C-alpha atoms as a PDB file:
ATOM      1  CA  MET A   1       2.103 -18.980   6.490  1.00  0.00           C
ATOM      2  CA  PHE A   2       4.360 -18.661   3.453  1.00  0.00           C
ATOM      3  CA  ALA A   3       4.735 -15.031   2.436  1.00  0.00           C
ATOM      4  CA  LYS A   4       6.362 -13.300  -0.490  1.00  0.00           C
ATOM      5  CA  PRO A   5       8.467 -10.144  -0.142  1.00  0.00           C
ATOM      6  CA  GLN A   6       6.474  -6.920  -0.409  1.00  0.00           C
ATOM      7  CA  GLU A   7       7.616  -3.386  -1.301  1.00  0.00           C
ATOM      8  CA  GLU A   8       8.449  -2.806   2.394  1.00  0.00           C
ATOM      9  CA  HIS A   9      10.709  -5.869   2.432  1.00  0.00           C
ATOM     10  CA  ARG A  10      12.541  -4.525  -0.612  1.00  0.00           C
ATOM     11  CA  MET A  11      13.099  -1.264   1.285  1.00  0.00           C
ATOM     12  CA  LEU A  12      14.920  -3.203   4.008  1.00  0.00           C
ATOM     13  CA  GLU A  13      17.168  -4.750   1.336  1.00  0.00           C
ATOM     14  CA  GLN A  14      18.817  -1.297   1.066  1.00  0.00           C
ATOM     15  CA  LEU A  15      20.510  -2.118   4.381  1.00  0.00           C
ATOM     16  CA  VAL A  16      22.187  -5.276   3.040  1.00  0.00           C
ATOM     17  CA  GLY A  17      25.959  -4.967   2.732  1.00  0.00           C
ATOM     18  CA  GLU A  18      29.099  -4.051   4.634  1.00  0.00           C
ATOM     19  CA  TRP A  19      29.084  -0.725   6.472  1.00  0.00           C
ATOM     20  CA  VAL A  20      31.196   1.462   8.721  1.00  0.00           C
ATOM     21  CA  MET A  21      29.083   2.999  11.493  1.00  0.00           C
ATOM     22  CA  ASP A  22      30.312   6.247  13.058  1.00  0.00           C
ATOM     23  CA  SER A  23      28.277   6.946  16.174  1.00  0.00           C
ATOM     24  CA  GLU A  24      27.954   9.608  18.828  1.00  0.00           C
ATOM     25  CA  CYS A  25      26.196   8.780  22.072  1.00  0.00           C
ATOM     26  CA  VAL A  26      25.424  10.687  25.284  1.00  0.00           C
ATOM     27  CA  MET A  27      24.466   8.413  28.176  1.00  0.00           C
ATOM     28  CA  GLY A  28      23.267  11.147  30.537  1.00  0.00           C
ATOM     29  CA  PRO A  29      22.876  14.904  30.960  1.00  0.00           C
ATOM     30  CA  ASP A  30      26.259  15.312  32.677  1.00  0.00           C
ATOM     31  CA  GLN A  31      28.065  12.755  30.509  1.00  0.00           C
ATOM     32  CA  PRO A  32      30.486  13.547  27.680  1.00  0.00           C
ATOM     33  CA  VAL A  33      29.767  12.610  24.071  1.00  0.00           C
ATOM     34  CA  GLU A  34      31.176   9.156  23.335  1.00  0.00           C
ATOM     35  CA  LYS A  35      32.293   8.533  19.775  1.00  0.00           C
ATOM     36  CA  SER A  36      32.855   5.080  18.361  1.00  0.00           C
ATOM     37  CA  GLN A  37      33.216   3.277  15.088  1.00  0.00           C
ATOM     38  CA  SER A  38      31.690  -0.099  14.319  1.00  0.00           C
ATOM     39  CA  ARG A  39      31.765  -2.555  11.495  1.00  0.00           C
ATOM     40  CA  VAL A  40      28.247  -3.553  10.369  1.00  0.00           C
ATOM     41  CA  THR A  41      27.402  -6.586   8.272  1.00  0.00           C
ATOM     42  CA  THR A  42      23.800  -6.887   7.122  1.00  0.00           C
ATOM     43  CA  ARG A  43      22.393  -9.862   5.270  1.00  0.00           C
ATOM     44  CA  SER A  44      18.978 -10.825   3.995  1.00  0.00           C
ATOM     45  CA  LEU A  45      16.981 -13.872   4.988  1.00  0.00           C
ATOM     46  CA  GLU A  46      15.622 -14.577   1.499  1.00  0.00           C
ATOM     47  CA  GLY A  47      14.164 -11.086   1.146  1.00  0.00           C
ATOM     48  CA  MET A  48      11.853 -11.352   4.172  1.00  0.00           C
ATOM     49  CA  TRP A  49      14.082 -10.246   7.061  1.00  0.00           C
ATOM     50  CA  ILE A  50      17.416  -8.502   7.474  1.00  0.00           C
ATOM     51  CA  VAL A  51      19.939  -9.385  10.159  1.00  0.00           C
ATOM     52  CA  SER A  52      22.600  -6.799  11.082  1.00  0.00           C
ATOM     53  CA  GLU A  53      25.645  -7.613  13.183  1.00  0.00           C
ATOM     54  CA  MET A  54      27.502  -4.621  14.614  1.00  0.00           C
ATOM     55  CA  CYS A  55      30.972  -5.053  16.144  1.00  0.00           C
ATOM     56  CA  SER A  56      32.990  -2.347  17.883  1.00  0.00           C
ATOM     57  CA  GLU A  57      35.289  -1.438  20.714  1.00  0.00           C
ATOM     58  CA  CYS A  58      33.462   0.489  23.449  1.00  0.00           C
ATOM     59  CA  PRO A  59      35.428   2.683  25.898  1.00  0.00           C
ATOM     60  CA  GLN A  60      33.395   1.384  28.873  1.00  0.00           C
ATOM     61  CA  ASN A  61      32.925  -2.279  27.935  1.00  0.00           C
ATOM     62  CA  GLY A  62      35.670  -3.239  25.510  1.00  0.00           C
ATOM     63  CA  LYS A  63      34.538  -5.337  22.557  1.00  0.00           C
ATOM     64  CA  THR A  64      30.783  -5.227  21.920  1.00  0.00           C
ATOM     65  CA  THR A  65      28.619  -7.141  19.484  1.00  0.00           C
ATOM     66  CA  MET A  66      25.031  -6.219  18.687  1.00  0.00           C
ATOM     67  CA  LEU A  67      22.392  -7.917  16.527  1.00  0.00           C
ATOM     68  CA  MET A  68      19.364  -6.257  14.978  1.00  0.00           C
ATOM     69  CA  THR A  69      16.606  -7.996  13.028  1.00  0.00           C
ATOM     70  CA  LEU A  70      13.951  -6.240  10.970  1.00  0.00           C
ATOM     71  CA  GLY A  71      11.157  -7.486   8.769  1.00  0.00           C
ATOM     72  CA  TYR A  72       7.717  -6.457   7.612  1.00  0.00           C
ATOM     73  CA  ASP A  73       4.407  -8.033   8.586  1.00  0.00           C
ATOM     74  CA  ALA A  74       1.854  -7.354   5.836  1.00  0.00           C
ATOM     75  CA  ALA A  75      -0.997  -8.511   8.099  1.00  0.00           C
ATOM     76  CA  THR A  76      -0.319  -5.786  10.681  1.00  0.00           C
ATOM     77  CA  GLY A  77       1.359  -3.197   8.449  1.00  0.00           C
ATOM     78  CA  LYS A  78       4.212  -3.017  10.987  1.00  0.00           C
ATOM     79  CA  PHE A  79       7.969  -3.579  10.909  1.00  0.00           C
ATOM     80  CA  PRO A  80       8.705  -6.094  13.700  1.00  0.00           C
ATOM     81  CA  GLY A  81      12.236  -6.638  14.920  1.00  0.00           C
ATOM     82  CA  THR A  82      14.642  -7.143  17.776  1.00  0.00           C
ATOM     83  CA  PHE A  83      17.878  -5.683  19.120  1.00  0.00           C
ATOM     84  CA  VAL A  84      20.322  -7.344  21.519  1.00  0.00           C
ATOM     85  CA  GLY A  85      23.840  -6.459  22.586  1.00  0.00           C
ATOM     86  CA  SER A  86      26.676  -8.174  24.418  1.00  0.00           C
ATOM     87  CA  MET A  87      26.776  -5.277  26.893  1.00  0.00           C
ATOM     88  CA  MET A  88      23.139  -5.606  28.049  1.00  0.00           C
ATOM     89  CA  SER A  89      20.698  -8.254  29.256  1.00  0.00           C
ATOM     90  CA  HIS A  90      17.528  -6.665  27.841  1.00  0.00           C
ATOM     91  CA  MET A  91      16.087  -7.787  24.493  1.00  0.00           C
ATOM     92  CA  TRP A  92      14.486  -4.870  22.698  1.00  0.00           C
ATOM     93  CA  ILE A  93      11.325  -5.796  20.767  1.00  0.00           C
ATOM     94  CA  TYR A  94      10.489  -3.420  17.919  1.00  0.00           C
ATOM     95  CA  SER A  95       7.191  -2.471  16.337  1.00  0.00           C
ATOM     96  CA  GLY A  96       7.847  -0.036  13.531  1.00  0.00           C
ATOM     97  CA  THR A  97       5.996   2.210  11.130  1.00  0.00           C
ATOM     98  CA  LEU A  98       7.016   3.762   7.828  1.00  0.00           C
ATOM     99  CA  SER A  99       7.048   7.553   7.477  1.00  0.00           C
ATOM    100  CA  ASP A 100       4.806   9.122   4.840  1.00  0.00           C
ATOM    101  CA  ASP A 101       7.827  10.002   2.670  1.00  0.00           C
ATOM    102  CA  LYS A 102       9.066   6.359   2.923  1.00  0.00           C
ATOM    103  CA  ARG A 103      12.532   7.512   4.018  1.00  0.00           C
ATOM    104  CA  ARG A 104      12.287   6.528   7.699  1.00  0.00           C
ATOM    105  CA  ILE A 105      11.174   3.548   9.728  1.00  0.00           C
ATOM    106  CA  VAL A 106      10.325   4.542  13.303  1.00  0.00           C
ATOM    107  CA  LEU A 107      10.831   1.570  15.640  1.00  0.00           C
ATOM    108  CA  ASP A 108       8.976   1.814  18.949  1.00  0.00           C
ATOM    109  CA  THR A 109      10.137  -0.264  21.907  1.00  0.00           C
ATOM    110  CA  THR A 110      10.305  -0.302  25.690  1.00  0.00           C
ATOM    111  CA  GLY A 111      13.448  -0.686  27.762  1.00  0.00           C
ATOM    112  CA  PRO A 112      15.223   0.109  31.011  1.00  0.00           C
ATOM    113  CA  LYS A 113      15.914   3.717  31.961  1.00  0.00           C
ATOM    114  CA  PHE A 114      19.575   4.713  32.001  1.00  0.00           C
ATOM    115  CA  ASP A 115      19.443   5.273  35.761  1.00  0.00           C
ATOM    116  CA  GLY A 116      17.941   1.817  36.444  1.00  0.00           C
ATOM    117  CA  THR A 117      14.748   3.162  38.058  1.00  0.00           C
ATOM    118  CA  GLY A 118      12.304   1.389  35.766  1.00  0.00           C
ATOM    119  CA  MET A 119      11.257   1.215  32.153  1.00  0.00           C
ATOM    120  CA  THR A 120      10.448   3.838  29.531  1.00  0.00           C
ATOM    121  CA  GLN A 121       9.579   4.162  25.866  1.00  0.00           C
ATOM    122  CA  TYR A 122      12.319   4.323  23.241  1.00  0.00           C
ATOM    123  CA  GLN A 123      12.405   4.963  19.517  1.00  0.00           C
ATOM    124  CA  ASP A 124      15.079   3.932  17.063  1.00  0.00           C
ATOM    125  CA  THR A 125      14.720   5.497  13.626  1.00  0.00           C
ATOM    126  CA  VAL A 126      16.292   4.073  10.481  1.00  0.00           C
ATOM    127  CA  GLU A 127      16.645   6.806   7.857  1.00  0.00           C
ATOM    128  CA  PHE A 128      17.512   5.940   4.260  1.00  0.00           C
ATOM    129  CA  VAL A 129      19.721   8.765   2.962  1.00  0.00           C
ATOM    130  CA  ASP A 130      20.941   7.230  -0.307  1.00  0.00           C
ATOM    131  CA  LYS A 131      22.144   3.824  -1.549  1.00  0.00           C
ATOM    132  CA  ASP A 132      25.437   4.211   0.310  1.00  0.00           C
ATOM    133  CA  THR A 133      24.283   5.920   3.531  1.00  0.00           C
ATOM    134  CA  TRP A 134      21.722   5.296   6.264  1.00  0.00           C
ATOM    135  CA  ILE A 135      21.367   6.795   9.723  1.00  0.00           C
ATOM    136  CA  LEU A 136      20.206   5.194  12.969  1.00  0.00           C
ATOM    137  CA  ARG A 137      18.930   7.618  15.622  1.00  0.00           C
ATOM    138  CA  SER A 138      17.834   6.714  19.159  1.00  0.00           C
ATOM    139  CA  GLN A 139      15.758   8.593  21.710  1.00  0.00           C
ATOM    140  CA  PHE A 140      13.852   7.865  24.899  1.00  0.00           C
ATOM    141  CA  LEU A 141      10.818   9.403  26.555  1.00  0.00           C
ATOM    142  CA  GLY A 142      11.976  11.436  29.548  1.00  0.00           C
ATOM    143  CA  ASP A 143      10.124  11.709  32.850  1.00  0.00           C
ATOM    144  CA  ASP A 144       8.927  15.154  31.735  1.00  0.00           C
ATOM    145  CA  GLY A 145       7.181  13.646  28.679  1.00  0.00           C
ATOM    146  CA  HIS A 146       9.701  14.985  26.142  1.00  0.00           C
ATOM    147  CA  TRP A 147      11.800  12.860  23.796  1.00  0.00           C
ATOM    148  CA  VAL A 148      15.540  12.925  24.564  1.00  0.00           C
ATOM    149  CA  LYS A 149      17.895  12.148  21.693  1.00  0.00           C
ATOM    150  CA  PHE A 150      20.964  10.231  22.851  1.00  0.00           C
ATOM    151  CA  MET A 151      22.528   8.482  19.855  1.00  0.00           C
ATOM    152  CA  THR A 152      23.143   9.112  16.169  1.00  0.00           C
ATOM    153  CA  ALA A 153      24.988   6.604  14.004  1.00  0.00           C
ATOM    154  CA  THR A 154      25.827   7.264  10.359  1.00  0.00           C
ATOM    155  CA  ASN A 155      26.411   4.141   8.295  1.00  0.00           C
ATOM    156  CA  THR A 156      28.557   4.404   5.167  1.00  0.00           C
ATOM    157  CA  ARG A 157      28.731   1.540   2.681  1.00  0.00           C
ATOM    158  CA  VAL A 158      32.046  -0.262   2.358  1.00  0.00           C
ATOM    159  CA  LYS A 159      30.680  -2.810  -0.145  1.00  0.00           C
END
């Protein structure tokens, strides 16, 4: 039951700190690119989990707050986590894997389609660029079986 942090947990520690997130998002094929800036605060739960709180002003919804948790489960070799936001009622449950070069964690999840006609597969990818930069990318599996990128958020360390 009681675990000790592994190498993968220490990787997540790179996300701890204060960040400014500059994001670009396209919510549909005929929609314009929406740009926003968020403040991100990430803390560690004793080296086993990270908790990120993202706060921003959204053109459609006003103030938004989002929470992301990530950890590592040595028994499964996966990165479990969650994502919730004040602008949605769905809780996203992650199951992630580490890329061979150990620079990206690909987080698989399932969620509602943008058009509300059901559910589809999503992927959020955390990419470690350097000690002061990380990128979050999001994509969903389209009806045609191709991945559709819809969001990129570059996080720059403030402290």
